Amino acid sequence: MLLTTYLNEAALGAVENQSGTMPEGSIVVKENYMPDKTLAAVTVMYKVAGYNPDHNDWFFTKHLPDGMLDKMPNGMAMEGKLPGCQGCHIAKKDNDYLFTGPIAAASGGE
């Protein structure tokens, strides 16, 4: 998979400062490309305090290349507490659900 990832100022600061968690208002945007380098989707994670405590308060969306929200096979718009996003990102629960890179300083003994 080919990805381009963008972080807003709040998210970038958390990564650069190895803060351990993303602050409220953090936004992570990924452009998802096909092997032929055509844009397949744009996915977004937005940190909203109190929105979804079971999944570190992340709100997820998935958009088609034209900007419209993608839909699940049942017709539900792909935004909010998306089981597929939550299920994948929970693998990085200790990194505030982020695959982008570590957001906590490594301990000295590792």
N, C-alpha and C. Protein backbone atom coordinates (compact mmCIF):
# COMPACT_ATOMS: atom_id res chain seq x y z
N MET A 1 0.84 -1.18 0.00
CA MET A 1 0.00 0.00 0.00
C MET A 1 0.89 1.25 0.00
N LEU A 2 0.51 2.22 -0.76
CA LEU A 2 1.22 3.49 -0.80
C LEU A 2 0.41 4.53 -0.03
N LEU A 3 1.07 5.23 0.87
CA LEU A 3 0.40 6.21 1.71
C LEU A 3 1.18 7.52 1.75
N THR A 4 0.45 8.61 1.86
CA THR A 4 1.02 9.90 2.21
C THR A 4 0.25 10.35 3.44
N THR A 5 0.97 10.69 4.51
CA THR A 5 0.33 11.05 5.77
C THR A 5 0.62 12.50 6.11
N TYR A 6 -0.43 13.19 6.56
CA TYR A 6 -0.33 14.58 6.97
C TYR A 6 -0.80 14.71 8.41
N LEU A 7 -0.16 15.58 9.16
CA LEU A 7 -0.55 15.84 10.55
C LEU A 7 -0.79 17.33 10.72
N ASN A 8 -1.83 17.68 11.50
CA ASN A 8 -1.98 19.10 11.80
C ASN A 8 -0.96 19.48 12.87
N GLU A 9 -0.91 20.74 13.23
CA GLU A 9 0.10 21.24 14.16
C GLU A 9 0.06 20.52 15.51
N ALA A 10 -1.14 20.28 16.03
CA ALA A 10 -1.27 19.61 17.34
C ALA A 10 -0.70 18.19 17.27
N ALA A 11 -1.03 17.46 16.22
CA ALA A 11 -0.55 16.09 16.07
C ALA A 11 0.96 16.06 15.84
N LEU A 12 1.45 16.94 15.00
CA LEU A 12 2.88 16.99 14.73
C LEU A 12 3.66 17.30 16.00
N GLY A 13 3.16 18.23 16.79
CA GLY A 13 3.83 18.56 18.06
C GLY A 13 3.90 17.37 18.99
N ALA A 14 2.85 16.56 19.04
CA ALA A 14 2.85 15.37 19.89
C ALA A 14 3.89 14.35 19.43
N VAL A 15 4.04 14.21 18.12
CA VAL A 15 5.04 13.29 17.58
C VAL A 15 6.45 13.83 17.86
N GLU A 16 6.67 15.08 17.55
CA GLU A 16 8.00 15.66 17.74
C GLU A 16 8.43 15.69 19.20
N ASN A 17 7.47 15.92 20.11
CA ASN A 17 7.79 16.02 21.54
C ASN A 17 7.67 14.68 22.26
N GLN A 18 7.34 13.61 21.51
CA GLN A 18 7.19 12.29 22.10
C GLN A 18 6.28 12.34 23.34
N SER A 19 5.12 12.98 23.17
CA SER A 19 4.21 13.27 24.29
C SER A 19 3.49 12.04 24.84
N GLY A 20 3.44 10.94 24.10
CA GLY A 20 2.78 9.73 24.57
C GLY A 20 1.33 9.63 24.13
N THR A 21 0.64 10.74 23.97
CA THR A 21 -0.73 10.75 23.46
C THR A 21 -0.92 11.97 22.58
N MET A 22 -1.88 11.87 21.71
CA MET A 22 -2.25 13.01 20.88
C MET A 22 -3.22 13.89 21.65
N PRO A 23 -3.08 15.20 21.58
CA PRO A 23 -4.01 16.08 22.28
C PRO A 23 -5.34 16.20 21.52
N GLU A 24 -6.35 16.67 22.23
CA GLU A 24 -7.64 16.96 21.60
C GLU A 24 -7.39 17.89 20.42
N GLY A 25 -8.10 17.64 19.33
CA GLY A 25 -7.95 18.46 18.14
C GLY A 25 -6.91 17.95 17.16
N SER A 26 -6.19 16.89 17.53
CA SER A 26 -5.21 16.32 16.59
C SER A 26 -5.93 15.74 15.38
N ILE A 27 -5.33 15.95 14.22
CA ILE A 27 -5.88 15.43 12.98
C ILE A 27 -4.77 14.72 12.21
N VAL A 28 -5.06 13.49 11.77
CA VAL A 28 -4.15 12.71 10.94
C VAL A 28 -4.91 12.40 9.65
N VAL A 29 -4.34 12.77 8.52
CA VAL A 29 -4.96 12.54 7.21
C VAL A 29 -4.03 11.65 6.40
N LYS A 30 -4.60 10.59 5.81
CA LYS A 30 -3.82 9.69 4.96
C LYS A 30 -4.42 9.65 3.57
N GLU A 31 -3.58 9.86 2.58
CA GLU A 31 -3.96 9.59 1.20
C GLU A 31 -3.56 8.15 0.93
N ASN A 32 -4.51 7.33 0.52
CA ASN A 32 -4.29 5.91 0.26
C ASN A 32 -4.26 5.68 -1.25
N TYR A 33 -3.14 5.18 -1.77
CA TYR A 33 -2.97 5.00 -3.20
C TYR A 33 -2.95 3.53 -3.60
N MET A 34 -3.43 3.26 -4.79
CA MET A 34 -3.38 1.93 -5.38
C MET A 34 -1.95 1.68 -5.87
N PRO A 35 -1.60 0.42 -6.18
CA PRO A 35 -0.26 0.14 -6.69
C PRO A 35 0.11 0.94 -7.94
N ASP A 36 -0.90 1.31 -8.75
CA ASP A 36 -0.63 2.11 -9.95
C ASP A 36 -0.54 3.61 -9.64
N LYS A 37 -0.57 3.95 -8.34
CA LYS A 37 -0.41 5.31 -7.83
C LYS A 37 -1.64 6.20 -8.04
N THR A 38 -2.81 5.61 -8.33
CA THR A 38 -4.03 6.40 -8.36
C THR A 38 -4.59 6.48 -6.95
N LEU A 39 -5.16 7.62 -6.62
CA LEU A 39 -5.73 7.83 -5.29
C LEU A 39 -6.96 6.94 -5.12
N ALA A 40 -6.96 6.14 -4.04
CA ALA A 40 -8.09 5.24 -3.76
C ALA A 40 -9.02 5.83 -2.72
N ALA A 41 -8.46 6.49 -1.71
CA ALA A 41 -9.28 7.04 -0.62
C ALA A 41 -8.45 8.00 0.20
N VAL A 42 -9.15 8.80 0.97
CA VAL A 42 -8.52 9.68 1.96
C VAL A 42 -9.17 9.34 3.29
N THR A 43 -8.35 8.94 4.26
CA THR A 43 -8.88 8.60 5.58
C THR A 43 -8.40 9.63 6.59
N VAL A 44 -9.25 9.87 7.59
CA VAL A 44 -8.97 10.90 8.58
C VAL A 44 -9.23 10.35 9.98
N MET A 45 -8.34 10.70 10.90
CA MET A 45 -8.54 10.46 12.33
C MET A 45 -8.57 11.83 13.00
N TYR A 46 -9.57 12.07 13.82
CA TYR A 46 -9.73 13.36 14.50
C TYR A 46 -9.96 13.08 15.98
N LYS A 47 -9.13 13.63 16.85
CA LYS A 47 -9.21 13.37 18.29
C LYS A 47 -10.20 14.35 18.93
N VAL A 48 -11.29 13.80 19.50
CA VAL A 48 -12.36 14.59 20.09
C VAL A 48 -12.54 14.15 21.54
N ALA A 49 -12.19 15.00 22.49
CA ALA A 49 -12.27 14.65 23.91
C ALA A 49 -13.67 14.17 24.28
N GLY A 50 -13.73 12.98 24.88
CA GLY A 50 -14.99 12.41 25.34
C GLY A 50 -15.82 11.74 24.27
N TYR A 51 -15.40 11.76 23.01
CA TYR A 51 -16.21 11.20 21.93
C TYR A 51 -16.32 9.68 22.01
N ASN A 52 -15.19 9.01 22.20
CA ASN A 52 -15.17 7.55 22.14
C ASN A 52 -14.07 7.02 23.08
N PRO A 53 -14.29 7.12 24.39
CA PRO A 53 -13.25 6.74 25.35
C PRO A 53 -12.72 5.31 25.18
N ASP A 54 -13.55 4.39 24.68
CA ASP A 54 -13.10 3.01 24.49
C ASP A 54 -12.04 2.89 23.41
N HIS A 55 -11.92 3.91 22.56
CA HIS A 55 -10.93 3.89 21.48
C HIS A 55 -10.17 5.22 21.43
N ASN A 56 -9.74 5.67 22.62
CA ASN A 56 -8.88 6.86 22.77
C ASN A 56 -9.46 8.12 22.14
N ASP A 57 -10.79 8.19 22.04
CA ASP A 57 -11.51 9.38 21.57
C ASP A 57 -11.26 9.73 20.10
N TRP A 58 -10.94 8.72 19.29
CA TRP A 58 -10.74 8.98 17.87
C TRP A 58 -12.05 8.88 17.09
N PHE A 59 -12.26 9.85 16.21
CA PHE A 59 -13.36 9.89 15.24
C PHE A 59 -12.71 9.59 13.89
N PHE A 60 -13.23 8.62 13.16
CA PHE A 60 -12.65 8.20 11.89
C PHE A 60 -13.57 8.56 10.72
N THR A 61 -12.98 8.88 9.57
CA THR A 61 -13.75 9.03 8.33
C THR A 61 -12.95 8.43 7.18
N LYS A 62 -13.68 8.02 6.15
CA LYS A 62 -13.05 7.55 4.91
C LYS A 62 -13.78 8.20 3.75
N HIS A 63 -13.01 8.90 2.91
CA HIS A 63 -13.56 9.64 1.79
C HIS A 63 -13.07 9.06 0.46
N LEU A 64 -13.91 9.14 -0.52
CA LEU A 64 -13.55 8.75 -1.89
C LEU A 64 -12.68 9.86 -2.49
N PRO A 65 -11.99 9.59 -3.59
CA PRO A 65 -11.14 10.61 -4.20
C PRO A 65 -11.87 11.91 -4.55
N ASP A 66 -13.19 11.85 -4.79
CA ASP A 66 -13.94 13.07 -5.11
C ASP A 66 -14.35 13.86 -3.86
N GLY A 67 -13.97 13.35 -2.67
CA GLY A 67 -14.30 14.04 -1.42
C GLY A 67 -15.55 13.55 -0.73
N MET A 68 -16.38 12.78 -1.41
CA MET A 68 -17.59 12.24 -0.81
C MET A 68 -17.22 11.17 0.21
N LEU A 69 -18.05 11.05 1.26
CA LEU A 69 -17.84 9.98 2.23
C LEU A 69 -18.03 8.62 1.55
N ASP A 70 -17.14 7.70 1.85
CA ASP A 70 -17.30 6.33 1.37
C ASP A 70 -18.44 5.71 2.18
N LYS A 71 -18.96 4.60 1.71
CA LYS A 71 -20.05 3.91 2.40
C LYS A 71 -19.68 2.44 2.58
N MET A 72 -20.15 1.88 3.69
CA MET A 72 -19.99 0.45 3.92
C MET A 72 -21.00 -0.30 3.05
N PRO A 73 -20.82 -1.62 2.88
CA PRO A 73 -21.76 -2.38 2.05
C PRO A 73 -23.22 -2.23 2.47
N ASN A 74 -23.47 -1.95 3.77
CA ASN A 74 -24.85 -1.77 4.22
C ASN A 74 -25.38 -0.36 3.98
N GLY A 75 -24.56 0.50 3.35
CA GLY A 75 -24.97 1.86 3.03
C GLY A 75 -24.63 2.90 4.08
N MET A 76 -24.12 2.46 5.24
CA MET A 76 -23.75 3.40 6.30
C MET A 76 -22.54 4.22 5.88
N ALA A 77 -22.63 5.53 6.09
CA ALA A 77 -21.51 6.42 5.78
C ALA A 77 -20.33 6.07 6.67
N MET A 78 -19.14 6.13 6.10
CA MET A 78 -17.94 5.75 6.83
C MET A 78 -17.40 6.97 7.60
N GLU A 79 -18.04 7.21 8.73
CA GLU A 79 -17.60 8.27 9.62
C GLU A 79 -18.02 7.94 11.04
N GLY A 80 -17.19 8.32 12.00
CA GLY A 80 -17.53 8.12 13.40
C GLY A 80 -16.79 6.96 14.02
N LYS A 81 -17.54 6.13 14.73
CA LYS A 81 -16.99 4.97 15.45
C LYS A 81 -16.99 3.76 14.51
N LEU A 82 -16.07 3.76 13.57
CA LEU A 82 -16.05 2.73 12.54
C LEU A 82 -15.38 1.46 13.04
N PRO A 83 -16.12 0.35 13.08
CA PRO A 83 -15.55 -0.89 13.59
C PRO A 83 -14.27 -1.33 12.88
N GLY A 84 -14.22 -1.18 11.56
CA GLY A 84 -13.03 -1.59 10.82
C GLY A 84 -11.80 -0.78 11.19
N CYS A 85 -11.97 0.52 11.33
CA CYS A 85 -10.85 1.40 11.71
C CYS A 85 -10.41 1.11 13.14
N GLN A 86 -11.38 1.03 14.03
CA GLN A 86 -11.08 0.76 15.44
C GLN A 86 -10.40 -0.60 15.59
N GLY A 87 -10.91 -1.60 14.87
CA GLY A 87 -10.36 -2.95 14.97
C GLY A 87 -8.93 -3.05 14.49
N CYS A 88 -8.59 -2.29 13.46
CA CYS A 88 -7.22 -2.28 12.95
C CYS A 88 -6.31 -1.47 13.88
N HIS A 89 -6.73 -0.27 14.21
CA HIS A 89 -5.88 0.64 14.99
C HIS A 89 -5.69 0.22 16.44
N ILE A 90 -6.54 -0.66 16.96
CA ILE A 90 -6.36 -1.12 18.34
C ILE A 90 -5.04 -1.86 18.51
N ALA A 91 -4.48 -2.36 17.41
CA ALA A 91 -3.17 -3.00 17.46
C ALA A 91 -2.10 -2.02 17.93
N LYS A 92 -2.36 -0.73 17.80
CA LYS A 92 -1.43 0.32 18.22
C LYS A 92 -2.00 1.12 19.38
N LYS A 93 -2.84 0.47 20.20
CA LYS A 93 -3.47 1.14 21.34
C LYS A 93 -2.44 1.83 22.24
N ASP A 94 -1.30 1.17 22.47
CA ASP A 94 -0.27 1.75 23.33
C ASP A 94 0.46 2.92 22.68
N ASN A 95 0.19 3.17 21.43
CA ASN A 95 0.77 4.32 20.72
C ASN A 95 -0.35 5.27 20.29
N ASP A 96 -1.41 5.35 21.11
CA ASP A 96 -2.58 6.19 20.85
C ASP A 96 -3.20 5.92 19.49
N TYR A 97 -3.21 4.62 19.11
CA TYR A 97 -3.86 4.15 17.89
C TYR A 97 -3.14 4.56 16.60
N LEU A 98 -1.91 5.00 16.70
CA LEU A 98 -1.20 5.51 15.53
C LEU A 98 -0.17 4.55 14.97
N PHE A 99 -0.22 4.33 13.67
CA PHE A 99 0.80 3.58 12.96
C PHE A 99 1.88 4.52 12.42
N THR A 100 1.61 5.81 12.40
CA THR A 100 2.48 6.81 11.76
C THR A 100 3.90 6.78 12.29
N GLY A 101 4.06 6.59 13.58
CA GLY A 101 5.36 6.55 14.21
C GLY A 101 5.18 6.62 15.71
N PRO A 102 6.24 6.33 16.45
CA PRO A 102 6.13 6.33 17.91
C PRO A 102 5.87 7.74 18.45
N ILE A 103 4.96 7.83 19.43
CA ILE A 103 4.69 9.14 20.04
C ILE A 103 5.10 9.16 21.51
N ALA A 104 5.86 8.15 21.93
CA ALA A 104 6.41 8.14 23.29
C ALA A 104 7.88 7.83 23.19
N ALA A 105 8.67 8.51 24.00
CA ALA A 105 10.10 8.26 24.01
C ALA A 105 10.37 6.83 24.46
N ALA A 106 11.30 6.17 23.81
CA ALA A 106 11.66 4.81 24.22
C ALA A 106 12.32 4.85 25.58
N SER A 107 12.05 3.83 26.39
CA SER A 107 12.68 3.79 27.70
C SER A 107 14.16 3.45 27.53
N GLY A 108 14.96 3.87 28.49
CA GLY A 108 16.40 3.73 28.41
C GLY A 108 16.88 2.29 28.34
N GLY A 109 16.12 1.32 28.84
CA GLY A 109 16.57 -0.05 28.90
C GLY A 109 16.31 -0.85 27.63
N GLU A 110 15.70 -0.26 26.64
CA GLU A 110 15.36 -1.02 25.42
C GLU A 110 16.30 -0.72 24.30
